[in-house]
Amino acid sequence: MGRKILEAIIKDGQLKHVEGALPSGEIKVHLIYDMEEPSDGGEIIKILGETSGIYSDIDAASEARNLRQEWERNLDK
């Protein structure tokens, strides 16, 4: 089974916006959502400070490319 990730906005239990087109018919989804978003730039800087350097020896571009290929495998386009 292939997977595709789209950003969507659900407000008051109703789908309000989807980043891309959804396939026709019925689809099974797993919703993974952020409980809280950083409230301001200061919070974002704090998070970056806490997490920077954890994976300093990893090529982020290569890892992102590999993850995207894994997520999108076996998809009919």
C-alpha atoms as a PDB file:
ATOM      1  CA  MET A   1       0.000   0.000   0.000  1.00  0.00           C
ATOM      2  CA  GLY A   2       1.388   3.396  -0.977  1.00  0.00           C
ATOM      3  CA  ARG A   3       1.040   6.526   1.090  1.00  0.00           C
ATOM      4  CA  LYS A   4       0.685  10.162   0.164  1.00  0.00           C
ATOM      5  CA  ILE A   5       0.813  13.065   2.579  1.00  0.00           C
ATOM      6  CA  LEU A   6      -1.335  16.172   2.089  1.00  0.00           C
ATOM      7  CA  GLU A   7      -1.869  19.082   4.437  1.00  0.00           C
ATOM      8  CA  ALA A   8      -5.493  19.730   5.302  1.00  0.00           C
ATOM      9  CA  ILE A   9      -7.495  21.995   7.570  1.00  0.00           C
ATOM     10  CA  ILE A  10     -10.350  20.468   9.557  1.00  0.00           C
ATOM     11  CA  LYS A  11     -12.442  22.969  11.477  1.00  0.00           C
ATOM     12  CA  ASP A  12     -15.190  21.955  13.870  1.00  0.00           C
ATOM     13  CA  GLY A  13     -15.055  18.386  12.517  1.00  0.00           C
ATOM     14  CA  GLN A  14     -15.496  19.464   8.885  1.00  0.00           C
ATOM     15  CA  LEU A  15     -12.854  19.309   6.152  1.00  0.00           C
ATOM     16  CA  LYS A  16     -12.301  22.936   5.123  1.00  0.00           C
ATOM     17  CA  HIS A  17      -9.153  22.840   2.962  1.00  0.00           C
ATOM     18  CA  VAL A  18      -6.907  20.213   1.337  1.00  0.00           C
ATOM     19  CA  GLU A  19      -3.493  21.049  -0.093  1.00  0.00           C
ATOM     20  CA  GLY A  20      -3.981  18.898  -3.203  1.00  0.00           C
ATOM     21  CA  ALA A  21      -6.541  16.813  -5.018  1.00  0.00           C
ATOM     22  CA  LEU A  22      -7.945  13.735  -3.321  1.00  0.00           C
ATOM     23  CA  PRO A  23      -8.730  10.611  -5.332  1.00  0.00           C
ATOM     24  CA  SER A  24     -12.344   9.913  -6.167  1.00  0.00           C
ATOM     25  CA  GLY A  25     -14.264   7.304  -4.205  1.00  0.00           C
ATOM     26  CA  GLU A  26     -13.686   6.240  -0.646  1.00  0.00           C
ATOM     27  CA  ILE A  27     -10.249   6.519   0.951  1.00  0.00           C
ATOM     28  CA  LYS A  28      -8.971   5.314   4.304  1.00  0.00           C
ATOM     29  CA  VAL A  29      -6.899   7.894   6.197  1.00  0.00           C
ATOM     30  CA  HIS A  30      -4.882   8.158   9.386  1.00  0.00           C
ATOM     31  CA  LEU A  31      -5.045  11.623  10.917  1.00  0.00           C
ATOM     32  CA  ILE A  32      -1.869  12.833  12.592  1.00  0.00           C
ATOM     33  CA  TYR A  33      -2.129  16.374  13.895  1.00  0.00           C
ATOM     34  CA  ASP A  34      -0.221  18.904  15.945  1.00  0.00           C
ATOM     35  CA  MET A  35      -1.716  19.537  19.355  1.00  0.00           C
ATOM     36  CA  GLU A  36      -0.136  22.946  19.715  1.00  0.00           C
ATOM     37  CA  GLU A  37       1.758  25.215  17.405  1.00  0.00           C
ATOM     38  CA  PRO A  38       4.487  27.556  18.640  1.00  0.00           C
ATOM     39  CA  SER A  39       2.832  30.822  19.593  1.00  0.00           C
ATOM     40  CA  ASP A  40       5.549  33.180  18.440  1.00  0.00           C
ATOM     41  CA  GLY A  41       9.038  33.491  16.994  1.00  0.00           C
ATOM     42  CA  GLY A  42      10.606  33.200  20.455  1.00  0.00           C
ATOM     43  CA  GLU A  43       9.087  29.747  20.956  1.00  0.00           C
ATOM     44  CA  ILE A  44      10.365  28.632  17.553  1.00  0.00           C
ATOM     45  CA  ILE A  45      13.898  29.853  18.368  1.00  0.00           C
ATOM     46  CA  LYS A  46      13.739  27.969  21.692  1.00  0.00           C
ATOM     47  CA  ILE A  47      12.707  24.730  19.937  1.00  0.00           C
ATOM     48  CA  LEU A  48      15.459  25.126  17.344  1.00  0.00           C
ATOM     49  CA  GLY A  49      18.002  25.741  20.098  1.00  0.00           C
ATOM     50  CA  GLU A  50      16.931  22.592  21.950  1.00  0.00           C
ATOM     51  CA  THR A  51      17.061  20.378  18.870  1.00  0.00           C
ATOM     52  CA  SER A  52      19.927  21.816  16.793  1.00  0.00           C
ATOM     53  CA  GLY A  53      22.956  19.617  16.413  1.00  0.00           C
ATOM     54  CA  ILE A  54      21.180  16.392  17.369  1.00  0.00           C
ATOM     55  CA  TYR A  55      21.668  14.974  13.877  1.00  0.00           C
ATOM     56  CA  SER A  56      24.609  17.075  12.731  1.00  0.00           C
ATOM     57  CA  ASP A  57      26.220  14.206  10.796  1.00  0.00           C
ATOM     58  CA  ILE A  58      23.141  13.462   8.652  1.00  0.00           C
ATOM     59  CA  ASP A  59      22.645  14.817   5.123  1.00  0.00           C
ATOM     60  CA  ALA A  60      19.147  16.299   5.526  1.00  0.00           C
ATOM     61  CA  ALA A  61      18.495  16.685   1.786  1.00  0.00           C
ATOM     62  CA  SER A  62      19.354  13.045   1.129  1.00  0.00           C
ATOM     63  CA  GLU A  63      17.247  11.833   4.063  1.00  0.00           C
ATOM     64  CA  ALA A  64      14.275  13.939   2.931  1.00  0.00           C
ATOM     65  CA  ARG A  65      14.595  12.533  -0.601  1.00  0.00           C
ATOM     66  CA  ASN A  66      14.719   8.949   0.731  1.00  0.00           C
ATOM     67  CA  LEU A  67      11.686   9.485   2.987  1.00  0.00           C
ATOM     68  CA  ARG A  68       9.673  11.025   0.151  1.00  0.00           C
ATOM     69  CA  GLN A  69      10.500   8.069  -2.111  1.00  0.00           C
ATOM     70  CA  GLU A  70       9.391   5.631   0.598  1.00  0.00           C
ATOM     71  CA  TRP A  71       6.130   7.503   1.238  1.00  0.00           C
ATOM     72  CA  GLU A  72       5.236   7.723  -2.435  1.00  0.00           C
ATOM     73  CA  ARG A  73       6.145   4.191  -3.517  1.00  0.00           C
ATOM     74  CA  ASN A  74       3.540   2.086  -5.296  1.00  0.00           C
ATOM     75  CA  LEU A  75       1.269   5.030  -5.986  1.00  0.00           C
ATOM     76  CA  ASP A  76      -0.753   5.183  -9.164  1.00  0.00           C
ATOM     77  CA  LYS A  77      -0.282   8.700 -10.485  1.00  0.00           C
END
